[in-house]
């Protein structure tokens, strides 16, 4: 499965702050199938949606 990155958030957010999850929740409320994944290489949380393309 391939995915399109919509937003990128640094992993060092203040304690109790989940900006990537909040962003994904807003997009899901609008009907987009957004989810959050961790990019370990860049130490960031990514909000992604599936593109429907096969790898």
Protein backbone atom coordinates (compact mmCIF):
# COMPACT_ATOMS: atom_id res chain seq x y z
CA UNK A 1 0.00 0.00 0.00
CA UNK A 2 1.25 3.48 -0.77
CA UNK A 3 0.27 6.61 1.07
CA UNK A 4 0.36 10.36 0.59
CA UNK A 5 1.83 12.47 3.40
CA UNK A 6 -0.52 15.34 4.25
CA UNK A 7 1.21 16.81 7.31
CA UNK A 8 4.46 16.32 9.23
CA UNK A 9 4.91 17.02 12.96
CA UNK A 10 8.14 16.78 14.99
CA UNK A 11 8.08 14.04 17.62
CA UNK A 12 9.29 16.39 20.37
CA UNK A 13 5.91 17.97 21.16
CA UNK A 14 5.20 19.07 24.73
CA UNK A 15 3.85 16.44 27.11
CA UNK A 16 0.11 15.97 26.59
CA UNK A 17 0.20 17.54 23.12
CA UNK A 18 -0.75 15.31 20.18
CA UNK A 19 -0.89 17.62 17.15
CA UNK A 20 -0.61 14.82 14.57
CA UNK A 21 -3.46 12.86 16.16
CA UNK A 22 -5.58 16.02 16.39
CA UNK A 23 -4.91 16.83 12.73
CA UNK A 24 -5.82 13.28 11.65
CA UNK A 25 -9.00 13.38 13.75
CA UNK A 26 -10.11 16.63 12.05
CA UNK A 27 -9.51 15.08 8.64
CA UNK A 28 -11.38 11.89 9.59
CA UNK A 29 -14.31 14.06 10.75
CA UNK A 30 -14.39 15.48 7.20
CA UNK A 31 -14.49 11.96 5.76
CA UNK A 32 -10.81 11.48 4.84
CA UNK A 33 -9.24 8.15 5.88
CA UNK A 34 -6.30 9.86 7.64
CA UNK A 35 -4.01 8.01 10.00
CA UNK A 36 -0.79 8.78 11.88
CA UNK A 37 2.47 6.91 11.36
CA UNK A 38 5.92 7.44 12.85
CA UNK A 39 8.87 8.11 10.58
CA UNK A 40 11.76 6.90 12.72
CA UNK A 41 14.41 8.17 10.34
CA UNK A 42 13.27 11.80 10.61
CA UNK A 43 11.83 11.46 14.16
CA UNK A 44 8.48 12.84 13.04
CA UNK A 45 4.82 11.86 13.05
CA UNK A 46 3.19 11.86 9.61
CA UNK A 47 -0.50 12.24 8.83
CA UNK A 48 -1.13 10.05 5.78
CA UNK A 49 -3.96 8.86 3.56
CA UNK A 50 -3.85 5.80 1.32
CA UNK A 51 -3.46 6.59 -2.39
CA UNK A 52 -4.90 3.37 -3.72
CA UNK A 53 -1.77 2.67 -5.78
CA UNK A 54 0.02 -0.64 -5.47
CA UNK A 55 3.77 -0.69 -4.82
